[in-house]
Every structure is written in C-alpha cells, then in structure tokens.
C-alpha cells in the first residue's frame, strides 16, 4: 500500500481513538486547531491597522500610519501581527514557548500565513529572533525558530543573527527599560555578513509588546549590510 494512503488511514484512526483537545479551553474538538467557540473569540487583526507597525486602529487614516510611527518610524519597513495578545493568544504562545507544545506549530502558522505571504519577497531570508543561551538550554528549542523553519524551510537562516549577551526577561519592564535591556544584545557573526549583503529580511518572533526586541535586531542587521527588513509576530500587545 502506498505510504501516503497509510498516513491518511493512520491519521483518521488516530482522530477516532485520540480526539483532539482545544489548546485553549481543553474541550474536545475536531482537527488539531482551536474549537469553534475559541476560534470565534480569538481577536485576529484585520484592517484598519497601521501600515508601518501593524497596530490595530479604531478607524482608517489617510496614509494608514499611526501617530507613533509618524513621530518615530521603526527601523523596519513593516511589522505585522496575526492577532491581539488576548487570553486565547496568550495561552497558545505560553504553551508553545514553555510546555513543549510544538504540535501547535501548524496552527500558529495558519494564523500568521496571510501576513507571511504579504511580507514575502524574492531572495528573502527568514530569521528568527534568537534566544539567549540559558533559555535555549532550559526550553531545548527556540519557538520563533520552529515557526520560521515551518513557514520557510528553504529561506530559513537562523545562524545569521546571534544573541551575544544574556538579557533578563522583558516581562514587567516599561518601554525604556525594554529598550535598554536589549541594547547591544544581538550581533551578526563576521563570516556571515556576506550572506546578508542587500538581502531582504523577514524577522520572526512570538509576541511584540513595545517592539524593542525587533527594533534592536533590525538595527543590528542593517549595520551588517542587510536590505529591507520586515517583522512578523504571532500576537502583539495593543
């Protein structure tokens, strides 16, 4: 029997014998995603939003940029987030980061796919925000890297950006403290700089709060000679 038919048969049997639980409310549901009720409650971001930072807007603006991006444009051409960091999104992200829930990768990829396709361009490199070493050894994987690998296996370039110093968690810090915390945290290895020369970059991260981490990573890549840089996150604090 063809292996493809065997896989289909096995998956159908597994769905019968091992019903899926919604990763948020833990009720039984069909498929490997959210249940219908949680899917409807998930606050996905749609227009209008700032064309620069992706912040949801209460109403459309003439040039679609929010006031913050008018005053201080970010060092990325554009940033997009699939959804607001609400209770459902936070459950998904926290389990993905801290509970070995790599089975959520296809669901999260489904959430960000529309913006991933919008931001993609020819010759682009997809780079995850790197973890500091202690967190990597504790978790055993980088959740942003796993999502980036799944979304763009052919353009996945995790070694082009490294975290050169350990930084405390950003949790509980205000905007300026977050900026100070990640200043100088990233680097591009010298032998990797030729691979960056004028190449467009998509940075992948899990959550955006103030943007400090994405901004610092983008500045580091720009200084190393990268081309245009965009950012994609699962969820953002609004």
Protein backbone atom coordinates (compact mmCIF):
# COMPACT_ATOMS: atom_id res chain seq x y z
CA UNK A 1 0.00 0.00 0.00
CA UNK A 2 1.23 3.49 -0.84
CA UNK A 3 2.74 5.32 2.15
CA UNK A 4 0.50 8.34 1.51
CA UNK A 5 -2.63 6.22 1.93
CA UNK A 6 -1.13 4.67 5.06
CA UNK A 7 -0.57 8.13 6.56
CA UNK A 8 -4.13 9.20 5.77
CA UNK A 9 -5.50 5.99 7.25
CA UNK A 10 -3.35 6.33 10.36
CA UNK A 11 -4.37 9.96 10.91
CA UNK A 12 -8.06 9.12 10.53
CA UNK A 13 -7.68 6.25 13.01
CA UNK A 14 -5.82 8.49 15.45
CA UNK A 15 -8.56 11.12 15.24
CA UNK A 16 -11.13 8.48 16.18
CA UNK A 17 -9.15 6.88 19.00
CA UNK A 18 -7.44 10.05 20.29
CA UNK A 19 -9.82 13.02 19.96
CA UNK A 20 -8.14 16.41 19.98
CA UNK A 21 -8.45 18.91 22.81
CA UNK A 22 -8.74 22.60 22.10
CA UNK A 23 -5.37 24.06 23.21
CA UNK A 24 -7.14 26.92 25.00
CA UNK A 25 -10.30 25.63 26.71
CA UNK A 26 -9.35 21.92 26.65
CA UNK A 27 -12.71 20.77 25.29
CA UNK A 28 -12.85 18.07 22.62
CA UNK A 29 -12.87 19.37 19.06
CA UNK A 30 -12.35 18.20 15.52
CA UNK A 31 -8.97 18.69 13.91
CA UNK A 32 -5.79 19.95 15.56
CA UNK A 33 -6.77 23.60 15.96
CA UNK A 34 -8.97 25.65 18.25
CA UNK A 35 -12.57 24.71 18.90
CA UNK A 36 -15.19 26.76 17.07
CA UNK A 37 -16.01 28.89 20.13
CA UNK A 38 -12.37 29.80 20.84
CA UNK A 39 -11.66 30.44 17.16
CA UNK A 40 -14.51 32.95 17.05
CA UNK A 41 -13.25 34.67 20.21
CA UNK A 42 -9.63 34.94 19.03
CA UNK A 43 -9.02 38.61 18.20
CA UNK A 44 -7.35 38.39 14.80
CA UNK A 45 -6.05 41.69 13.46
CA UNK A 46 -7.63 42.99 10.29
CA UNK A 47 -7.89 46.38 8.62
CA UNK A 48 -7.66 49.12 9.60
CA UNK A 49 -4.17 48.84 11.06
CA UNK A 50 -1.00 50.92 10.83
CA UNK A 51 0.77 50.10 7.57
CA UNK A 52 4.10 50.57 9.32
CA UNK A 53 3.94 48.86 12.75
CA UNK A 54 0.72 46.84 12.28
CA UNK A 55 -1.02 48.37 15.29
CA UNK A 56 -4.84 47.98 15.09
CA UNK A 57 -6.54 51.32 14.50
CA UNK A 58 -10.06 52.36 15.57
CA UNK A 59 -10.66 53.88 12.15
CA UNK A 60 -8.85 54.22 8.82
CA UNK A 61 -6.31 57.05 8.42
CA UNK A 62 -5.47 58.87 5.18
CA UNK A 63 -1.96 57.40 4.88
CA UNK A 64 -2.59 54.49 7.31
CA UNK A 65 0.31 55.29 9.67
CA UNK A 66 -0.34 55.62 13.38
CA UNK A 67 0.80 58.69 15.34
CA UNK A 68 3.74 56.85 16.94
CA UNK A 69 5.13 55.83 13.55
CA UNK A 70 4.73 59.39 12.29
CA UNK A 71 6.83 60.70 15.18
CA UNK A 72 9.39 57.87 15.40
CA UNK A 73 9.33 55.46 12.43
CA UNK A 74 10.57 51.99 13.42
CA UNK A 75 13.74 50.59 11.79
CA UNK A 76 11.65 48.03 9.89
CA UNK A 77 9.79 48.67 6.66
CA UNK A 78 6.69 47.00 8.11
CA UNK A 79 5.57 44.81 11.00
CA UNK A 80 2.56 42.53 11.08
CA UNK A 81 0.89 40.59 13.91
CA UNK A 82 -1.72 37.90 13.37
CA UNK A 83 -3.78 38.73 16.47
CA UNK A 84 -4.03 40.75 19.64
CA UNK A 85 -2.37 39.26 22.70
CA UNK A 86 -5.67 38.33 24.31
CA UNK A 87 -6.35 35.42 26.68
CA UNK A 88 -6.59 32.88 23.86
CA UNK A 89 -3.45 34.07 22.05
CA UNK A 90 -1.51 34.22 25.32
CA UNK A 91 -2.49 30.63 26.12
CA UNK A 92 -1.27 29.47 22.72
CA UNK A 93 2.01 31.37 22.91
CA UNK A 94 2.80 30.41 26.51
CA UNK A 95 2.18 26.73 25.81
CA UNK A 96 4.21 26.96 22.63
CA UNK A 97 7.13 28.56 24.49
CA UNK A 98 7.12 26.75 27.81
CA UNK A 99 5.20 23.48 27.52
CA UNK A 100 6.95 21.68 24.64
CA UNK A 101 3.80 22.28 22.58
CA UNK A 102 5.48 22.12 19.18
CA UNK A 103 2.37 20.40 17.87
CA UNK A 104 0.87 23.92 17.82
CA UNK A 105 3.24 24.98 15.03
CA UNK A 106 0.79 24.25 12.17
CA UNK A 107 -2.00 26.13 13.96
CA UNK A 108 0.21 29.18 14.60
CA UNK A 109 1.50 29.03 11.02
CA UNK A 110 -2.11 29.09 9.84
CA UNK A 111 -2.69 32.23 11.91
CA UNK A 112 0.29 34.15 10.50
CA UNK A 113 0.12 32.79 6.92
CA UNK A 114 -1.85 35.70 5.44
CA UNK A 115 0.72 38.25 6.63
CA UNK A 116 3.66 35.98 5.87
CA UNK A 117 2.52 35.85 2.26
CA UNK A 118 2.02 39.63 2.21
CA UNK A 119 5.55 40.33 3.51
CA UNK A 120 7.36 37.70 1.44
CA UNK A 121 9.54 38.81 -1.46
CA UNK A 122 12.11 37.22 -3.78
CA UNK A 123 15.53 36.32 -2.36
CA UNK A 124 14.31 36.99 1.19
CA UNK A 125 15.94 35.42 4.25
CA UNK A 126 13.73 34.42 7.19
CA UNK A 127 15.50 34.92 10.51
CA UNK A 128 14.07 34.11 13.96
CA UNK A 129 14.82 36.26 16.99
CA UNK A 130 17.49 34.21 18.79
CA UNK A 131 17.09 33.08 22.38
CA UNK A 132 19.73 33.75 24.99
CA UNK A 133 21.71 30.63 25.79
CA UNK A 134 20.28 29.83 29.21
CA UNK A 135 16.68 29.98 27.97
CA UNK A 136 17.57 27.82 25.00
CA UNK A 137 19.05 25.09 27.18
CA UNK A 138 16.10 25.29 29.56
CA UNK A 139 13.45 25.06 26.82
CA UNK A 140 15.54 22.91 24.41
CA UNK A 141 14.18 24.81 21.41
CA UNK A 142 13.52 28.33 20.15
CA UNK A 143 9.81 28.73 19.48
CA UNK A 144 10.35 31.55 16.97
CA UNK A 145 12.85 29.41 15.08
CA UNK A 146 10.45 26.47 14.92
CA UNK A 147 7.73 28.68 13.45
CA UNK A 148 10.17 30.25 10.97
CA UNK A 149 11.50 26.83 9.95
CA UNK A 150 7.96 25.58 9.32
CA UNK A 151 6.95 28.66 7.33
CA UNK A 152 10.07 29.00 5.17
CA UNK A 153 12.25 25.87 5.17
CA UNK A 154 14.15 26.96 2.05
CA UNK A 155 14.92 30.50 3.25
CA UNK A 156 15.35 29.74 6.97
CA UNK A 157 18.59 31.39 8.18
CA UNK A 158 18.87 31.09 11.99
CA UNK A 159 22.66 31.43 12.14
CA UNK A 160 22.84 34.94 10.67
CA UNK A 161 21.76 36.64 13.89
CA UNK A 162 23.00 35.64 17.33
CA UNK A 163 22.33 36.88 20.84
CA UNK A 164 25.77 37.87 22.06
CA UNK A 165 24.86 38.56 25.66
CA UNK A 166 22.33 37.21 28.13
CA UNK A 167 19.48 39.59 28.87
CA UNK A 168 16.92 39.43 31.69
CA UNK A 169 13.32 38.78 30.72
CA UNK A 170 11.46 41.76 29.28
CA UNK A 171 8.40 40.94 31.42
CA UNK A 172 7.43 43.71 33.83
CA UNK A 173 9.65 46.36 32.21
CA UNK A 174 8.44 49.65 30.79
CA UNK A 175 9.23 50.82 27.26
CA UNK A 176 12.56 52.49 28.06
CA UNK A 177 13.68 49.63 30.29
CA UNK A 178 12.96 47.17 27.47
CA UNK A 179 14.99 49.27 25.03
CA UNK A 180 17.90 49.47 27.48
CA UNK A 181 17.67 45.76 28.26
CA UNK A 182 18.21 44.61 24.66
CA UNK A 183 20.64 47.34 23.55
CA UNK A 184 23.67 45.60 22.05
CA UNK A 185 22.18 42.16 22.68
CA UNK A 186 22.45 40.96 19.07
CA UNK A 187 25.27 40.50 16.59
CA UNK A 188 25.92 39.17 13.10
CA UNK A 189 28.96 36.87 13.01
CA UNK A 190 31.67 38.37 10.79
CA UNK A 191 31.79 35.35 8.49
CA UNK A 192 28.02 35.61 7.91
CA UNK A 193 27.94 39.24 6.78
CA UNK A 194 28.50 38.49 3.07
CA UNK A 195 25.34 36.35 3.09
CA UNK A 196 23.34 39.38 4.28
CA UNK A 197 24.54 41.89 1.70
CA UNK A 198 21.46 43.77 0.48
CA UNK A 199 19.22 40.73 1.07
CA UNK A 200 15.66 41.42 2.21
CA UNK A 201 14.96 40.01 5.67
CA UNK A 202 11.86 38.83 7.49
CA UNK A 203 12.29 38.68 11.27
CA UNK A 204 10.07 36.21 13.13
CA UNK A 205 9.15 36.50 16.81
CA UNK A 206 6.32 35.27 19.01
CA UNK A 207 4.98 38.41 20.74
CA UNK A 208 5.53 42.13 20.25
CA UNK A 209 4.96 44.41 23.23
CA UNK A 210 6.86 47.66 22.63
CA UNK A 211 8.87 46.45 19.66
CA UNK A 212 12.21 46.91 21.45
CA UNK A 213 13.50 43.42 20.59
CA UNK A 214 12.50 43.58 16.93
CA UNK A 215 13.91 47.10 16.60
CA UNK A 216 17.28 46.16 18.10
CA UNK A 217 17.55 43.06 15.91
CA UNK A 218 16.69 45.10 12.80
CA UNK A 219 19.28 47.76 13.61
CA UNK A 220 21.93 45.07 14.05
CA UNK A 221 21.10 43.52 10.68
CA UNK A 222 21.06 46.92 8.97
CA UNK A 223 24.51 47.74 10.31
CA UNK A 224 25.71 44.39 8.90
CA UNK A 225 24.52 45.35 5.40
CA UNK A 226 21.09 43.74 5.12
CA UNK A 227 18.47 45.07 2.71
CA UNK A 228 14.88 45.92 3.65
CA UNK A 229 13.64 44.34 6.88
CA UNK A 230 10.12 43.43 7.92
CA UNK A 231 8.82 41.75 11.05
CA UNK A 232 6.16 39.11 11.68
CA UNK A 233 4.83 38.05 15.09
CA UNK A 234 2.06 35.76 16.27
CA UNK A 235 0.50 38.34 18.55
CA UNK A 236 1.03 41.88 19.79
CA UNK A 237 0.11 43.79 22.90
CA UNK A 238 -2.16 46.64 21.90
